[in-house]
N, C-alpha and C. Protein backbone atom coordinates (compact mmCIF):
# COMPACT_ATOMS: atom_id res chain seq x y z
N UNK A 1 61.56 -90.88 -83.86
CA UNK A 1 61.68 -89.69 -84.28
C UNK A 1 61.20 -89.09 -85.46
N UNK A 2 60.39 -87.86 -85.47
CA UNK A 2 59.82 -87.65 -86.85
C UNK A 2 60.65 -86.46 -87.15
N UNK A 3 61.25 -86.74 -88.60
CA UNK A 3 61.82 -85.58 -89.64
C UNK A 3 60.79 -84.64 -89.90
N UNK A 4 61.80 -83.55 -90.24
CA UNK A 4 60.88 -82.43 -90.61
C UNK A 4 60.49 -82.47 -92.01
N UNK A 5 60.85 -83.12 -92.91
CA UNK A 5 60.23 -83.06 -94.13
C UNK A 5 59.18 -84.18 -93.99
N UNK A 6 59.45 -85.43 -93.31
CA UNK A 6 57.73 -86.01 -92.83
C UNK A 6 57.07 -85.72 -92.24
N UNK A 7 57.03 -84.42 -91.35
CA UNK A 7 55.85 -84.02 -90.88
C UNK A 7 55.41 -83.14 -91.54
N UNK A 8 56.31 -82.39 -92.43
CA UNK A 8 55.79 -81.41 -93.44
C UNK A 8 54.87 -81.99 -94.26
N UNK A 9 55.26 -83.17 -94.79
CA UNK A 9 54.33 -83.88 -96.06
C UNK A 9 52.87 -84.34 -95.31
N UNK A 10 53.10 -84.82 -94.15
CA UNK A 10 51.81 -84.95 -93.37
C UNK A 10 50.84 -83.95 -93.05
N UNK A 11 51.36 -82.75 -92.90
CA UNK A 11 50.61 -81.41 -92.98
C UNK A 11 50.36 -81.04 -94.17
N UNK A 12 51.17 -81.06 -95.26
CA UNK A 12 50.91 -80.86 -96.16
C UNK A 12 49.45 -81.55 -96.97
N UNK A 13 49.85 -82.99 -96.66
CA UNK A 13 48.51 -83.96 -97.06
C UNK A 13 47.25 -83.39 -96.32
N UNK A 14 47.30 -83.32 -95.02
CA UNK A 14 46.08 -83.07 -94.38
C UNK A 14 45.46 -81.76 -94.82
N UNK A 15 46.18 -80.82 -95.17
CA UNK A 15 45.71 -79.34 -95.66
C UNK A 15 45.24 -79.52 -96.91
N UNK A 16 45.61 -80.50 -97.73
CA UNK A 16 44.95 -80.74 -99.34
C UNK A 16 43.59 -81.42 -99.41
N UNK A 17 43.51 -82.37 -97.86
CA UNK A 17 42.38 -83.23 -97.71
C UNK A 17 41.38 -82.31 -97.33
N UNK A 18 41.75 -81.09 -96.54
CA UNK A 18 40.61 -80.49 -96.05
C UNK A 18 40.31 -79.32 -96.98
N UNK A 19 41.01 -78.90 -97.86
CA UNK A 19 40.75 -78.19 -99.14
C UNK A 19 39.82 -78.92 -100.16
N UNK A 20 40.19 -80.07 -100.57
CA UNK A 20 39.40 -81.10 -101.22
C UNK A 20 37.92 -81.08 -100.65
N UNK A 21 37.59 -81.20 -99.41
CA UNK A 21 36.59 -81.35 -98.79
C UNK A 21 35.55 -80.13 -98.34
N UNK A 22 36.31 -78.98 -98.59
CA UNK A 22 35.78 -77.86 -98.82
C UNK A 22 35.25 -77.17 -99.80
N UNK A 23 35.80 -78.17 -100.82
CA UNK A 23 35.49 -77.37 -102.40
C UNK A 23 33.86 -77.81 -102.67
N UNK A 24 33.74 -79.11 -102.61
CA UNK A 24 32.41 -79.27 -102.67
C UNK A 24 31.21 -79.89 -101.73
N UNK A 25 30.33 -79.46 -101.90
CA UNK A 25 29.19 -80.12 -100.62
C UNK A 25 29.17 -81.47 -100.44
N UNK A 26 29.16 -82.20 -99.26
CA UNK A 26 29.36 -83.66 -99.04
C UNK A 26 27.69 -83.77 -99.35
N UNK A 27 27.59 -84.91 -100.09
CA UNK A 27 26.19 -85.52 -100.06
C UNK A 27 26.36 -86.89 -99.04
N UNK A 28 25.41 -87.03 -98.46
CA UNK A 28 24.86 -88.39 -97.71
C UNK A 28 25.14 -89.54 -98.43
N UNK A 29 24.89 -89.51 -99.72
CA UNK A 29 24.64 -90.63 -100.37
C UNK A 29 26.05 -90.95 -100.60
N UNK A 30 27.03 -90.04 -100.91
CA UNK A 30 28.38 -90.21 -101.34
C UNK A 30 28.77 -90.83 -100.33
N UNK A 31 28.93 -90.17 -99.15
CA UNK A 31 29.56 -90.43 -97.58
C UNK A 31 29.11 -91.83 -97.17
N UNK A 32 27.79 -92.21 -97.40
CA UNK A 32 27.59 -93.47 -96.69
C UNK A 32 27.79 -94.68 -97.99
N UNK A 33 27.76 -94.40 -98.96
CA UNK A 33 28.20 -95.40 -100.10
C UNK A 33 26.84 -96.19 -100.13
N UNK A 34 25.54 -95.91 -99.83
CA UNK A 34 24.44 -96.56 -99.84
C UNK A 34 24.12 -96.92 -101.33
N UNK A 35 23.98 -98.00 -101.75
CA UNK A 35 23.49 -98.34 -103.15
C UNK A 35 22.28 -97.40 -103.53
N UNK A 36 22.19 -97.01 -104.52
CA UNK A 36 20.92 -96.32 -104.98
C UNK A 36 19.65 -97.22 -105.37
N UNK A 37 18.61 -96.84 -105.07
CA UNK A 37 17.56 -97.78 -105.23
C UNK A 37 16.26 -96.83 -106.33
N UNK A 38 15.68 -97.49 -106.66
CA UNK A 38 14.47 -96.67 -107.42
C UNK A 38 14.10 -95.88 -106.42
N UNK A 39 13.41 -94.67 -106.47
CA UNK A 39 13.23 -93.84 -105.71
C UNK A 39 11.85 -94.22 -104.72
N UNK A 40 10.80 -94.62 -105.43
CA UNK A 40 9.57 -95.48 -105.02
C UNK A 40 10.04 -96.24 -103.80
N UNK A 41 11.23 -97.23 -104.35
CA UNK A 41 11.72 -98.33 -102.89
C UNK A 41 12.34 -97.67 -101.95
N UNK A 42 13.18 -96.55 -102.20
CA UNK A 42 13.83 -95.97 -101.09
C UNK A 42 12.66 -95.23 -100.41
N UNK A 43 11.76 -94.54 -100.79
CA UNK A 43 10.70 -93.77 -99.96
C UNK A 43 10.04 -94.90 -99.26
N UNK A 44 9.59 -95.77 -99.86
CA UNK A 44 8.86 -97.10 -98.93
C UNK A 44 9.79 -97.43 -97.74
N UNK A 45 11.02 -97.54 -98.00
CA UNK A 45 11.77 -98.18 -97.10
C UNK A 45 11.82 -97.31 -96.04
N UNK A 46 12.04 -95.72 -96.49
CA UNK A 46 12.34 -94.54 -95.17
C UNK A 46 10.99 -94.67 -94.49
N UNK A 47 9.88 -94.74 -95.11
CA UNK A 47 8.49 -94.63 -94.51
C UNK A 47 8.44 -95.86 -93.33
N UNK A 48 8.89 -97.04 -93.60
CA UNK A 48 8.83 -98.16 -92.90
C UNK A 48 9.76 -97.98 -91.64
N UNK A 49 10.76 -97.27 -92.01
CA UNK A 49 11.74 -96.80 -90.85
C UNK A 49 11.59 -95.71 -89.88
N UNK A 50 10.81 -94.75 -90.29
CA UNK A 50 10.10 -93.61 -89.87
C UNK A 50 9.00 -94.14 -88.80
N UNK A 51 8.24 -95.15 -89.54
CA UNK A 51 6.89 -95.63 -88.83
C UNK A 51 7.55 -96.26 -87.67
N UNK A 52 8.64 -97.19 -87.77
CA UNK A 52 9.09 -98.24 -86.54
C UNK A 52 9.58 -97.37 -85.68
N UNK A 53 10.21 -95.75 -86.05
CA UNK A 53 10.73 -95.20 -85.01
C UNK A 53 9.40 -94.40 -83.91
N UNK A 54 8.38 -93.86 -84.72
CA UNK A 54 7.44 -93.49 -84.16
C UNK A 54 6.67 -94.70 -83.40
N UNK A 55 6.69 -95.70 -83.69
CA UNK A 55 6.01 -96.52 -82.83
C UNK A 55 7.01 -97.42 -81.83
N UNK A 56 8.16 -96.84 -81.77
CA UNK A 56 9.10 -97.28 -81.01
C UNK A 56 9.41 -99.13 -80.97
N UNK A 57 9.31 -99.79 -82.28
CA UNK A 57 9.34 -100.81 -82.34
C UNK A 57 10.67 -101.62 -82.18
N UNK A 58 11.34 -101.17 -81.37
CA UNK A 58 12.91 -101.63 -81.40
C UNK A 58 13.51 -101.08 -80.30
N UNK A 59 14.86 -101.35 -80.12
CA UNK A 59 15.59 -100.31 -79.20
C UNK A 59 15.98 -99.48 -79.78
N UNK A 60 16.71 -98.35 -79.11
CA UNK A 60 17.07 -97.41 -79.65
C UNK A 60 18.14 -97.15 -80.57
N UNK A 61 19.17 -98.09 -80.29
CA UNK A 61 20.09 -98.55 -81.27
C UNK A 61 19.83 -98.80 -82.84
N UNK A 62 18.80 -99.62 -82.43
CA UNK A 62 18.37 -100.51 -83.77
C UNK A 62 17.53 -99.44 -84.44
N UNK A 63 16.99 -98.73 -83.80
CA UNK A 63 15.73 -97.63 -84.51
C UNK A 63 16.71 -96.65 -85.49
N UNK A 64 17.72 -96.31 -84.69
CA UNK A 64 18.96 -95.43 -85.22
C UNK A 64 19.34 -95.97 -86.60
N UNK A 65 19.71 -97.22 -86.21
CA UNK A 65 20.64 -98.01 -87.54
C UNK A 65 19.46 -98.01 -88.77
N UNK A 66 18.31 -98.31 -88.26
CA UNK A 66 17.26 -98.29 -89.02
C UNK A 66 17.18 -97.24 -89.92
N UNK A 67 16.83 -96.45 -89.52
CA UNK A 67 16.59 -94.69 -89.90
C UNK A 67 17.58 -94.30 -90.74
N UNK A 68 18.99 -94.57 -90.03
CA UNK A 68 20.29 -93.88 -90.89
C UNK A 68 20.29 -94.66 -92.20
N UNK A 69 20.33 -96.07 -92.16
CA UNK A 69 20.25 -97.15 -93.46
C UNK A 69 19.08 -96.54 -94.46
N UNK A 70 18.05 -96.18 -94.18
CA UNK A 70 16.91 -95.80 -94.78
C UNK A 70 17.29 -94.24 -95.46
N UNK A 71 17.74 -93.48 -94.60
CA UNK A 71 18.16 -91.98 -95.02
C UNK A 71 19.27 -92.18 -96.11
N UNK A 72 20.35 -93.02 -95.73
CA UNK A 72 21.59 -93.09 -96.46
C UNK A 72 20.92 -93.70 -97.86
N UNK A 73 20.15 -94.39 -97.87
CA UNK A 73 20.01 -95.37 -99.32
C UNK A 73 19.04 -93.99 -100.14
N UNK A 74 17.90 -93.46 -99.20
CA UNK A 74 17.06 -92.11 -99.91
C UNK A 74 18.14 -91.26 -100.59
N UNK A 75 19.22 -90.74 -99.62
CA UNK A 75 20.22 -89.58 -100.24
C UNK A 75 20.61 -90.32 -101.74
N UNK A 76 21.35 -91.63 -101.45
CA UNK A 76 21.96 -92.14 -102.25
C UNK A 76 20.76 -91.92 -103.72
N UNK A 77 19.73 -92.16 -103.67
CA UNK A 77 18.63 -92.52 -104.64
C UNK A 77 18.31 -91.40 -105.37
N UNK A 78 18.07 -90.22 -104.33
CA UNK A 78 17.83 -88.64 -104.99
C UNK A 78 19.15 -88.41 -105.84
N UNK A 79 20.18 -88.47 -105.11
CA UNK A 79 21.71 -87.92 -105.69
C UNK A 79 21.68 -88.75 -107.31
N UNK A 80 21.35 -89.97 -107.44
CA UNK A 80 21.30 -90.88 -108.66
C UNK A 80 20.38 -90.15 -109.89
N UNK A 81 19.16 -89.63 -109.24
CA UNK A 81 18.46 -89.21 -110.37
C UNK A 81 18.44 -87.65 -110.36
N UNK A 82 19.36 -87.11 -109.26
CA UNK A 82 19.13 -85.36 -109.56
C UNK A 82 18.17 -84.88 -108.60
N UNK A 83 17.38 -85.53 -108.09
CA UNK A 83 16.42 -85.10 -107.00
C UNK A 83 16.69 -83.91 -105.98
N UNK A 84 16.10 -82.92 -105.94
CA UNK A 84 16.33 -82.10 -104.88
C UNK A 84 15.12 -81.43 -104.30
N UNK A 85 13.98 -82.28 -104.26
CA UNK A 85 12.97 -82.21 -103.37
C UNK A 85 12.95 -82.03 -102.08
N UNK A 86 12.33 -81.45 -101.26
CA UNK A 86 12.40 -81.41 -99.96
C UNK A 86 12.89 -82.58 -99.01
N UNK A 87 12.19 -83.63 -99.71
CA UNK A 87 12.30 -85.14 -98.77
C UNK A 87 13.62 -85.42 -99.08
N UNK A 88 14.51 -85.27 -100.13
CA UNK A 88 15.94 -85.49 -100.57
C UNK A 88 16.44 -84.32 -99.72
N UNK A 89 16.15 -83.18 -99.59
CA UNK A 89 16.99 -82.28 -99.06
C UNK A 89 17.03 -82.72 -97.37
N UNK A 90 15.91 -83.01 -96.63
CA UNK A 90 15.92 -83.74 -95.53
C UNK A 90 16.64 -84.63 -95.24
N UNK A 91 16.60 -85.65 -96.27
CA UNK A 91 17.49 -86.91 -96.40
C UNK A 91 19.11 -86.60 -95.83
N UNK A 92 19.07 -85.94 -97.06
CA UNK A 92 20.82 -85.53 -96.76
C UNK A 92 21.04 -84.59 -95.72
N UNK A 93 20.27 -84.02 -94.77
CA UNK A 93 20.81 -83.29 -93.98
C UNK A 93 20.56 -83.62 -92.69
N UNK A 94 19.68 -84.82 -92.77
CA UNK A 94 19.69 -85.94 -91.51
C UNK A 94 20.61 -86.55 -91.34
N UNK A 95 20.87 -87.39 -92.39
CA UNK A 95 21.95 -88.36 -92.80
C UNK A 95 23.38 -88.12 -92.00
N UNK A 96 23.91 -86.52 -92.28
CA UNK A 96 24.98 -86.06 -91.82
C UNK A 96 25.30 -85.66 -90.50
N UNK A 97 23.98 -85.15 -89.89
CA UNK A 97 23.69 -85.04 -88.52
C UNK A 97 24.46 -86.16 -87.56
N UNK A 98 25.04 -85.42 -86.57
CA UNK A 98 25.64 -86.12 -85.92
C UNK A 98 25.09 -86.43 -84.14
N UNK A 99 24.94 -87.33 -83.33
CA UNK A 99 24.48 -87.08 -81.92
C UNK A 99 22.88 -87.25 -81.87
N UNK A 100 22.53 -88.12 -82.82
CA UNK A 100 20.98 -88.61 -82.94
C UNK A 100 20.18 -88.80 -81.25
N UNK A 101 19.37 -87.96 -81.01
CA UNK A 101 18.64 -88.46 -80.15
C UNK A 101 17.22 -88.78 -80.20
N UNK A 102 16.64 -89.49 -79.32
CA UNK A 102 15.08 -90.02 -79.80
C UNK A 102 14.35 -88.70 -80.28
N UNK A 103 14.18 -87.95 -79.90
CA UNK A 103 13.53 -86.76 -79.97
C UNK A 103 13.75 -86.19 -81.50
N UNK A 104 15.06 -86.04 -81.74
CA UNK A 104 15.42 -85.82 -83.11
C UNK A 104 15.08 -86.80 -84.08
N UNK A 105 15.06 -88.04 -84.00
CA UNK A 105 14.65 -89.11 -84.67
C UNK A 105 12.92 -89.06 -85.04
N UNK A 106 12.28 -88.87 -84.02
CA UNK A 106 10.93 -88.50 -83.99
C UNK A 106 10.53 -87.75 -84.95
N UNK A 107 10.97 -86.60 -84.61
CA UNK A 107 10.96 -85.23 -85.31
C UNK A 107 11.18 -85.48 -86.77
N UNK A 108 12.21 -86.23 -87.28
CA UNK A 108 12.73 -86.43 -88.34
C UNK A 108 11.67 -87.37 -89.16
N UNK A 109 11.33 -88.57 -88.37
CA UNK A 109 10.32 -89.59 -88.85
C UNK A 109 9.07 -88.79 -89.30
N UNK A 110 8.58 -87.80 -88.35
CA UNK A 110 7.52 -87.22 -88.54
C UNK A 110 7.17 -86.49 -89.75
N UNK A 111 8.23 -85.77 -90.11
CA UNK A 111 8.90 -84.73 -91.41
C UNK A 111 8.62 -85.76 -92.48
N UNK A 112 9.42 -86.96 -92.38
CA UNK A 112 9.56 -87.92 -93.54
C UNK A 112 8.62 -88.25 -93.95
N UNK A 113 7.60 -88.65 -93.17
CA UNK A 113 6.17 -89.21 -93.49
C UNK A 113 5.39 -88.36 -93.80
N UNK A 114 5.27 -87.18 -93.39
CA UNK A 114 4.62 -85.77 -94.10
C UNK A 114 5.15 -85.54 -95.44
N UNK A 115 6.38 -85.59 -95.80
CA UNK A 115 6.83 -85.28 -97.05
C UNK A 115 6.67 -86.20 -98.11
N UNK A 116 6.75 -87.47 -97.56
CA UNK A 116 6.56 -88.55 -98.51
C UNK A 116 5.29 -89.00 -99.01
N UNK A 117 4.01 -88.30 -98.22
CA UNK A 117 2.75 -87.96 -98.65
C UNK A 117 2.37 -87.47 -99.61
N UNK A 118 3.00 -86.19 -99.83
CA UNK A 118 3.01 -85.35 -101.08
C UNK A 118 3.67 -86.24 -102.45
N UNK A 119 3.33 -85.68 -103.48
CA UNK A 119 4.08 -85.89 -104.91
C UNK A 119 5.29 -85.28 -104.62
N UNK A 120 6.43 -86.09 -105.35
CA UNK A 120 7.92 -85.51 -105.39
C UNK A 120 7.75 -84.73 -106.31
N UNK A 121 8.42 -83.32 -106.03
CA UNK A 121 8.89 -82.69 -107.30
C UNK A 121 10.15 -82.66 -107.43
N UNK A 122 10.55 -83.19 -108.64
CA UNK A 122 12.08 -83.30 -109.03
C UNK A 122 12.49 -82.23 -109.75
N UNK A 123 13.66 -81.72 -109.31
CA UNK A 123 14.28 -80.37 -110.00
C UNK A 123 15.90 -80.94 -110.49
N UNK A 124 15.93 -80.79 -111.73
CA UNK A 124 17.23 -81.15 -112.16
C UNK A 124 18.28 -80.37 -111.83
C-alpha cells in the first residue's frame, strides 16, 4: 500500500527532475559522459567511424555503436573547448537522436565527413 505522503513525495521528486531538465539544454557530451579528447583526435575518430558506416564495414549494430561513441566523444570535446561550429552542432544533435536507421547514419556520416574537411570555426 502506498501512503499519500509517500506518493506525493515521489510526484514532487519527478516534477523537480522534469523542471531541472527543462531549465538547461542537454548537451550530448554531458549525457553520454564521454571523455573529452583533443579536437583533432575527436574529429579523426569521428571520420573513421563515418567512413566505416559508408563502407558498411561491420554489422549495423557495430556501426551504430562506433558512430555513437565517436559522436559522444566529439560532443564532449566540443563542449570542453566551447566550440559551437557546425560539426559540433551536428554531433550534439545526432548523438541525442533516437532510433537510428542505416539511412540516418549514412546521411549523418556524409555530413560529418563534409564538415570535417573544412576548417573549424570556433565560437566562444
